[in-house]
Amino acid sequence: MRTIPIKIAPTFFLTAALIGFINSFSILGTVIWIGIIFISVLFHELGHALTSLLFGQNPRIELVAFGGLTIPEGKQLVKWKEFIVVLMGPLFGFLLFVFATLLLQLPFENVPARAILQAIRFVNLFWTAVNLFPILPLDGGQLVRIVLEGIFGAKGWKMALYVSLAFSSLLSIAFFIVGYFLVGAVFLIFAFQGVETIRKFGAYSVADQDESNQMAMKEVEELLRRGQVESAVDKLEAIRVRTQKGLIYTLASEYLAKIYADHDDYESAYKILSDLEKTLSKEAKCILQKASYFVGDYKKSIRLSGVCFQEKQTIEVALRAARANAMEKNIKETIEWLKTAASFGSFSVQEIVKEREFDDIRSDEMFQKFLARI
């Protein structure tokens, strides 16, 4: 009999404890609320997972901050089966609400037990209702996506994203107006995520819908997990040749560029990523920032420095940005990046500026004044 692996992140319990304390202001109440949230979220995810298992997939459950995830692995389901898998999560939550409601009809006077049942009832009704909002990544948004994909194909994904963005924006504004700022902030995050996803969706192509391409990427991830890098490289090259463009093409390019960068082949990494700059993840942009510097494309390296430093606030990124700006004779920017690097306190600016990259600006009056002050 197949089992469903369950992984619980520490952040799940931290978030549950925060919610519990806000609702009870006591240690015992917090512990009880953690149990209620754990049971409710797990039961919801089991709705997804058991249905996925019934349809021949190999699901696994992860409980993370603010909720859970059911990750189906194996064959891709037809749309009606995928719809049922998604729907069963909220349905299981609603069934838990019904079960708690029925128990509350029984004639028992145990006050703590009734309070716990009332909390279970409230949590599951509230979460079922909210989770059915047509907002991605909530189940309601996934249901809308599946229906629109079934009708319009690849365009349905983009339509679902716009529906999600509209609803999350309106709900965020509404909750802020009535004073529920935390809930409003959550929907605002969904709205920002929607904008970012729509931006990336411009790269979506027909090749992304091909199940063989999707399976090939999963095989690559498994090879990398096992440390079989050479085999992964061969598959990634084949995927790029086969897809030519799209999200899978971009993802394959990012994986491949990271492998090359890890082996100090920055020229190959640069060639792979250079034309994909606008659609890259932040991590890939950091790889491109580094690769651009080493191949002498200082303008591109400078352009990516801010994004890269937000992603990885390290002295290496700051110094690379300073050196690239020095090569382009951007005095003010060089000074600012050197100040940023100096804030890490583990190197001497006076020694760094002796490097050849600073030769053309070392005698500049503004730069000299900066050096005199440190």
Protein backbone atom coordinates (compact mmCIF):
# COMPACT_ATOMS: atom_id res chain seq x y z
CA MET A 1 0.00 0.00 0.00
CA ARG A 2 1.39 3.40 -1.01
CA THR A 3 1.89 5.98 1.70
CA ILE A 4 1.73 9.77 1.61
CA PRO A 5 4.96 11.39 2.92
CA ILE A 6 4.32 14.35 5.21
CA LYS A 7 6.94 17.02 5.90
CA ILE A 8 6.38 19.78 8.46
CA ALA A 9 8.46 22.96 8.38
CA PRO A 10 9.28 24.67 11.72
CA THR A 11 7.66 27.84 10.35
CA PHE A 12 4.30 26.04 10.33
CA PHE A 13 4.34 25.68 14.11
CA LEU A 14 5.67 29.22 14.58
CA THR A 15 2.84 30.67 12.50
CA ALA A 16 0.26 28.46 14.21
CA ALA A 17 1.60 29.51 17.62
CA LEU A 18 1.35 33.19 16.66
CA ILE A 19 -2.26 32.76 15.54
CA GLY A 20 -3.01 30.76 18.67
CA PHE A 21 -1.54 33.36 21.01
CA ILE A 22 -3.41 36.20 19.28
CA ASN A 23 -6.66 34.28 19.78
CA SER A 24 -6.06 33.10 23.37
CA PHE A 25 -3.31 35.17 25.06
CA SER A 26 -2.35 32.08 27.07
CA ILE A 27 0.17 29.25 26.77
CA LEU A 28 -2.47 26.51 27.05
CA GLY A 29 -4.70 28.27 24.54
CA THR A 30 -1.78 28.62 22.15
CA VAL A 31 -1.02 24.89 22.37
CA ILE A 32 -4.67 24.03 21.74
CA TRP A 33 -4.82 26.36 18.74
CA ILE A 34 -1.67 24.79 17.29
CA GLY A 35 -3.43 21.41 17.50
CA ILE A 36 -6.59 22.79 15.89
CA ILE A 37 -4.67 24.40 13.03
CA PHE A 38 -2.53 21.28 12.54
CA ILE A 39 -5.56 18.99 12.30
CA SER A 40 -7.48 21.39 10.04
CA VAL A 41 -4.65 22.02 7.58
CA LEU A 42 -3.59 18.36 7.47
CA PHE A 43 -7.20 17.22 6.89
CA HIS A 44 -7.52 19.73 4.06
CA GLU A 45 -4.31 18.53 2.41
CA LEU A 46 -5.34 14.90 2.83
CA GLY A 47 -8.37 15.74 0.71
CA HIS A 48 -6.03 16.67 -2.12
CA ALA A 49 -3.53 13.90 -1.49
CA LEU A 50 -5.92 10.96 -1.13
CA THR A 51 -7.73 11.91 -4.34
CA SER A 52 -4.41 12.33 -6.14
CA LEU A 53 -3.38 8.89 -4.87
CA LEU A 54 -6.67 7.43 -6.07
CA PHE A 55 -5.96 8.76 -9.56
CA GLY A 56 -2.57 7.02 -9.67
CA GLN A 57 -0.22 9.83 -8.66
CA ASN A 58 2.34 9.82 -5.84
CA PRO A 59 1.49 12.85 -3.70
CA ARG A 60 3.42 14.25 -0.77
CA ILE A 61 2.29 16.82 1.77
CA GLU A 62 4.31 19.74 3.13
CA LEU A 63 3.01 21.90 5.97
CA VAL A 64 4.57 25.34 5.73
CA ALA A 65 3.94 28.80 7.14
CA PHE A 66 0.34 29.95 6.59
CA GLY A 67 -0.84 26.58 5.30
CA GLY A 68 0.06 23.43 3.45
CA LEU A 69 0.98 22.10 0.05
CA THR A 70 0.12 18.85 -1.67
CA ILE A 71 2.70 18.10 -4.35
CA PRO A 72 1.54 15.46 -6.86
CA GLU A 73 4.25 13.44 -8.55
CA GLY A 74 3.87 11.01 -11.43
CA LYS A 75 1.62 11.15 -14.46
CA GLN A 76 -0.17 14.36 -15.38
CA LEU A 77 -3.94 14.18 -14.86
CA VAL A 78 -6.61 15.17 -17.36
CA LYS A 79 -8.34 18.42 -16.48
CA TRP A 80 -11.49 16.95 -14.86
CA LYS A 81 -9.41 14.77 -12.54
CA GLU A 82 -7.14 17.69 -11.66
CA PHE A 83 -10.26 19.74 -10.88
CA ILE A 84 -11.52 17.05 -8.48
CA VAL A 85 -8.12 16.79 -6.75
CA VAL A 86 -8.11 20.54 -6.10
CA LEU A 87 -11.78 20.63 -5.06
CA MET A 88 -11.41 17.82 -2.51
CA GLY A 89 -9.20 19.96 -0.24
CA PRO A 90 -11.92 22.54 0.53
CA LEU A 91 -14.52 19.75 0.58
CA PHE A 92 -12.61 17.87 3.29
CA GLY A 93 -12.33 21.10 5.27
CA PHE A 94 -16.08 21.64 4.95
CA LEU A 95 -16.72 18.07 6.10
CA LEU A 96 -14.64 18.77 9.22
CA PHE A 97 -16.81 21.86 9.81
CA VAL A 98 -19.96 19.71 9.44
CA PHE A 99 -18.55 17.05 11.80
CA ALA A 100 -17.76 19.64 14.50
CA THR A 101 -21.22 21.19 14.03
CA LEU A 102 -22.92 17.80 14.53
CA LEU A 103 -20.88 17.08 17.67
CA LEU A 104 -21.95 20.42 19.11
CA GLN A 105 -25.58 19.28 18.85
CA LEU A 106 -24.90 16.51 21.37
CA PRO A 107 -26.05 17.18 24.96
CA PHE A 108 -22.73 17.43 26.80
CA GLU A 109 -21.65 20.24 29.08
CA ASN A 110 -17.84 20.01 28.90
CA VAL A 111 -17.06 23.70 28.38
CA PRO A 112 -13.44 23.32 27.16
CA ALA A 113 -14.45 20.57 24.70
CA ARG A 114 -17.27 22.70 23.32
CA ALA A 115 -14.90 25.66 22.95
CA ILE A 116 -12.45 23.51 20.99
CA LEU A 117 -15.22 22.19 18.72
CA GLN A 118 -16.47 25.73 18.12
CA ALA A 119 -12.93 26.78 17.17
CA ILE A 120 -12.58 23.80 14.79
CA ARG A 121 -15.96 24.70 13.29
CA PHE A 122 -14.99 28.34 12.79
CA VAL A 123 -11.50 27.64 11.42
CA ASN A 124 -12.69 25.15 8.83
CA LEU A 125 -15.65 27.20 7.64
CA PHE A 126 -13.54 30.35 7.43
CA TRP A 127 -10.60 28.66 5.69
CA THR A 128 -12.87 26.76 3.28
CA ALA A 129 -14.59 29.99 2.28
CA VAL A 130 -11.38 32.00 1.92
CA ASN A 131 -9.62 29.19 0.09
CA LEU A 132 -12.34 29.17 -2.58
CA PHE A 133 -11.68 32.81 -3.53
CA PRO A 134 -10.58 32.87 -7.22
CA ILE A 135 -7.06 33.91 -6.23
CA LEU A 136 -3.86 32.06 -7.06
CA PRO A 137 -2.32 30.10 -5.35
CA LEU A 138 -5.52 29.38 -3.37
CA ASP A 139 -7.64 26.42 -4.42
CA GLY A 140 -10.33 28.71 -5.85
CA GLY A 141 -7.75 30.27 -8.13
CA GLN A 142 -6.53 26.82 -9.17
CA LEU A 143 -10.09 25.76 -10.00
CA VAL A 144 -10.56 28.84 -12.17
CA ARG A 145 -7.22 28.14 -13.86
CA ILE A 146 -8.14 24.53 -14.64
CA VAL A 147 -11.51 25.52 -16.13
CA LEU A 148 -10.05 28.35 -18.24
CA GLU A 149 -7.15 26.14 -19.39
CA GLY A 150 -9.65 23.49 -20.41
CA ILE A 151 -11.56 26.04 -22.49
CA PHE A 152 -8.83 28.33 -23.83
CA GLY A 153 -5.65 26.24 -23.56
CA ALA A 154 -2.45 28.07 -22.62
CA LYS A 155 -4.25 31.43 -22.71
CA GLY A 156 -6.41 30.21 -19.83
CA TRP A 157 -3.43 30.40 -17.48
CA LYS A 158 -2.96 34.07 -18.21
CA MET A 159 -6.68 34.78 -17.88
CA ALA A 160 -6.69 33.08 -14.46
CA LEU A 161 -3.77 35.24 -13.41
CA TYR A 162 -5.66 38.43 -14.32
CA VAL A 163 -8.78 37.22 -12.47
CA SER A 164 -6.58 36.47 -9.44
CA LEU A 165 -4.88 39.86 -9.57
CA ALA A 166 -8.22 41.70 -9.78
CA PHE A 167 -9.80 39.83 -6.84
CA SER A 168 -6.72 39.99 -4.60
CA SER A 169 -6.36 43.73 -5.22
CA LEU A 170 -10.03 44.44 -4.49
CA LEU A 171 -10.04 42.28 -1.35
CA SER A 172 -6.85 43.90 -0.11
CA ILE A 173 -8.36 47.36 -0.48
CA ALA A 174 -11.62 46.25 1.15
CA PHE A 175 -9.90 44.74 4.21
CA PHE A 176 -7.68 47.79 4.62
CA ILE A 177 -10.77 50.04 4.53
CA VAL A 178 -12.57 48.08 7.27
CA GLY A 179 -9.42 47.95 9.40
CA TYR A 180 -8.36 44.31 8.99
CA PHE A 181 -4.82 45.30 8.08
CA LEU A 182 -3.16 41.88 8.51
CA VAL A 183 -5.67 40.17 6.19
CA GLY A 184 -5.39 43.06 3.76
CA ALA A 185 -1.61 42.69 3.76
CA VAL A 186 -1.91 38.97 2.92
CA PHE A 187 -4.10 39.70 -0.11
CA LEU A 188 -1.75 42.52 -1.09
CA ILE A 189 1.09 39.98 -1.15
CA PHE A 190 -1.04 37.77 -3.42
CA ALA A 191 -1.56 40.78 -5.70
CA PHE A 192 2.17 41.52 -5.91
CA GLN A 193 2.86 37.84 -6.61
CA GLY A 194 0.27 38.00 -9.38
CA VAL A 195 1.97 40.98 -11.01
CA GLU A 196 5.33 39.20 -10.92
CA THR A 197 3.86 35.99 -12.34
CA ILE A 198 2.10 37.88 -15.16
CA ARG A 199 5.41 39.55 -15.99
CA LYS A 200 7.12 36.18 -16.25
CA PHE A 201 4.18 34.67 -18.12
CA GLY A 202 5.22 36.53 -21.25
CA ALA A 203 7.72 33.73 -21.80
CA TYR A 204 5.05 30.98 -21.72
CA SER A 205 5.01 28.89 -24.90
CA VAL A 206 3.36 25.85 -26.45
CA ALA A 207 6.43 23.80 -25.47
CA ASP A 208 5.59 24.43 -21.80
CA GLN A 209 2.36 22.45 -22.21
CA ASP A 210 4.17 19.42 -23.61
CA GLU A 211 4.10 16.72 -20.95
CA SER A 212 7.35 15.19 -22.25
CA ASN A 213 9.17 18.48 -21.63
CA GLN A 214 7.72 18.72 -18.13
CA MET A 215 8.78 15.15 -17.35
CA ALA A 216 12.25 15.82 -18.77
CA MET A 217 12.70 18.71 -16.32
CA LYS A 218 11.64 16.47 -13.42
CA GLU A 219 14.23 13.91 -14.55
CA VAL A 220 16.90 16.64 -14.59
CA GLU A 221 16.01 17.69 -11.04
CA GLU A 222 16.27 14.07 -9.92
CA LEU A 223 19.67 13.68 -11.61
CA LEU A 224 20.94 16.83 -9.91
CA ARG A 225 19.62 15.61 -6.58
CA ARG A 226 21.63 12.43 -7.06
CA GLY A 227 24.74 14.38 -8.07
CA GLN A 228 24.75 13.07 -11.66
CA VAL A 229 25.73 16.42 -13.13
CA GLU A 230 27.07 15.26 -16.51
CA SER A 231 23.88 13.38 -17.32
CA ALA A 232 21.86 16.42 -16.23
CA VAL A 233 23.88 18.68 -18.55
CA ASP A 234 23.15 16.44 -21.53
CA LYS A 235 19.42 16.46 -20.77
CA LEU A 236 19.36 20.21 -20.21
CA GLU A 237 21.05 20.85 -23.55
CA ALA A 238 18.51 18.57 -25.24
CA ILE A 239 15.61 20.39 -23.56
CA ARG A 240 16.90 23.76 -24.72
CA VAL A 241 17.25 22.53 -28.30
CA ARG A 242 13.76 21.02 -28.23
CA THR A 243 11.91 23.95 -26.63
CA GLN A 244 13.80 27.00 -28.00
CA LYS A 245 11.71 29.38 -25.86
CA GLY A 246 9.29 29.47 -22.95
CA LEU A 247 9.36 28.87 -19.20
CA ILE A 248 10.87 25.39 -19.44
CA TYR A 249 13.54 26.70 -21.78
CA THR A 250 14.36 29.47 -19.30
CA LEU A 251 14.43 27.07 -16.36
CA ALA A 252 16.68 24.64 -18.24
CA SER A 253 18.97 27.55 -19.12
CA GLU A 254 19.16 28.63 -15.48
CA TYR A 255 20.06 25.12 -14.30
CA LEU A 256 22.69 24.79 -17.01
CA ALA A 257 24.21 28.20 -16.34
CA LYS A 258 24.45 27.43 -12.63
CA ILE A 259 26.33 24.21 -13.37
CA TYR A 260 28.78 26.08 -15.61
CA ALA A 261 29.21 28.89 -13.07
CA ASP A 262 29.85 26.35 -10.31
CA HIS A 263 32.72 25.07 -12.47
CA ASP A 264 33.99 28.64 -13.12
CA ASP A 265 32.97 28.52 -16.79
CA TYR A 266 31.50 32.00 -16.73
CA GLU A 267 31.72 32.50 -20.48
CA SER A 268 29.31 29.61 -21.10
CA ALA A 269 27.01 30.79 -18.31
CA TYR A 270 26.99 34.29 -19.83
CA LYS A 271 26.14 33.02 -23.31
CA ILE A 272 23.23 30.99 -21.96
CA LEU A 273 21.66 33.70 -19.79
CA SER A 274 22.53 36.96 -21.52
CA ASP A 275 19.47 37.10 -23.80
CA LEU A 276 17.09 35.94 -21.06
CA GLU A 277 17.80 38.71 -18.56
CA LYS A 278 14.22 39.98 -18.26
CA THR A 279 12.68 36.58 -17.49
CA LEU A 280 15.32 35.19 -15.13
CA SER A 281 14.78 34.38 -11.46
CA LYS A 282 16.69 36.52 -8.95
CA GLU A 283 19.17 33.71 -8.31
CA ALA A 284 19.88 33.40 -12.05
CA LYS A 285 20.30 37.17 -12.31
CA CYS A 286 23.02 36.89 -9.66
CA ILE A 287 24.76 34.25 -11.77
CA LEU A 288 24.49 36.53 -14.80
CA GLN A 289 25.80 39.50 -12.80
CA LYS A 290 28.90 37.52 -11.88
CA ALA A 291 29.34 36.01 -15.34
CA SER A 292 28.93 39.42 -17.01
CA TYR A 293 31.68 40.84 -14.86
CA PHE A 294 34.13 38.07 -15.70
CA VAL A 295 33.51 38.30 -19.45
CA GLY A 296 33.88 42.08 -19.41
CA ASP A 297 30.26 43.13 -19.91
CA TYR A 298 30.47 45.61 -17.06
CA LYS A 299 27.32 47.53 -18.01
CA LYS A 300 25.17 44.43 -17.66
CA SER A 301 26.93 43.49 -14.43
CA ILE A 302 26.24 46.96 -13.03
CA ARG A 303 22.60 46.83 -14.13
CA LEU A 304 22.07 43.58 -12.22
CA SER A 305 24.02 44.57 -9.10
CA GLY A 306 21.10 46.08 -7.19
CA VAL A 307 18.80 43.08 -7.73
CA CYS A 308 21.62 40.69 -6.92
CA PHE A 309 22.53 42.49 -3.69
CA GLN A 310 18.90 42.36 -2.57
CA GLU A 311 18.97 38.60 -3.15
CA LYS A 312 22.44 37.97 -1.69
CA GLN A 313 23.72 40.69 0.62
CA THR A 314 27.35 39.65 0.57
CA ILE A 315 30.66 41.45 0.40
CA GLU A 316 31.46 39.59 -2.84
CA VAL A 317 28.46 41.09 -4.65
CA ALA A 318 29.23 44.60 -3.37
CA LEU A 319 32.90 44.42 -4.35
CA ARG A 320 32.06 43.05 -7.79
CA ALA A 321 29.67 45.96 -8.30
CA ALA A 322 32.35 48.42 -7.15
CA ARG A 323 34.93 46.94 -9.54
CA ALA A 324 32.48 46.96 -12.48
CA ASN A 325 31.59 50.61 -11.84
CA ALA A 326 35.28 51.48 -11.54
CA MET A 327 35.93 49.89 -14.94
CA GLU A 328 33.15 52.07 -16.37
CA LYS A 329 34.55 55.13 -14.52
CA ASN A 330 31.35 55.66 -12.53
CA ILE A 331 33.00 57.42 -9.59
CA LYS A 332 29.97 58.03 -7.36
CA GLU A 333 28.61 54.51 -7.82
CA THR A 334 32.04 53.00 -7.15
CA ILE A 335 32.31 54.91 -3.90
CA GLU A 336 28.82 53.88 -2.76
CA TRP A 337 29.48 50.21 -3.45
CA LEU A 338 32.82 50.40 -1.66
CA LYS A 339 31.03 51.92 1.34
CA THR A 340 28.52 49.07 1.21
CA ALA A 341 31.32 46.51 1.06
CA ALA A 342 33.15 48.25 3.91
CA SER A 343 30.07 47.90 6.11
CA PHE A 344 30.86 44.17 6.32
CA GLY A 345 34.09 45.16 8.08
CA SER A 346 36.26 42.29 6.86
CA PHE A 347 38.63 43.97 4.40
CA SER A 348 40.69 47.09 3.81
CA VAL A 349 39.39 49.57 1.24
CA GLN A 350 42.90 50.94 0.85
CA GLU A 351 44.12 47.51 -0.24
CA ILE A 352 41.19 46.83 -2.56
CA VAL A 353 41.62 50.07 -4.51
CA LYS A 354 45.19 49.02 -5.40
CA GLU A 355 43.69 46.46 -7.78
CA ARG A 356 43.97 47.11 -11.51
CA GLU A 357 40.20 47.68 -11.84
CA PHE A 358 40.64 51.01 -10.02
CA ASP A 359 43.61 52.24 -12.07
CA ASP A 360 41.58 54.66 -14.21
CA ILE A 361 39.83 56.37 -11.29
CA ARG A 362 42.44 56.20 -8.54
CA SER A 363 43.72 59.72 -9.25
CA ASP A 364 40.26 61.26 -9.56
CA GLU A 365 39.76 64.13 -7.10
CA MET A 366 36.41 62.86 -5.75
CA PHE A 367 37.85 59.38 -5.33
CA GLN A 368 40.92 60.76 -3.56
CA LYS A 369 38.74 62.67 -1.11
CA PHE A 370 36.79 59.48 -0.38
CA LEU A 371 40.00 57.56 0.30
CA ALA A 372 41.27 60.32 2.55
CA ARG A 373 38.16 60.09 4.72
CA ILE A 374 38.35 56.34 5.41
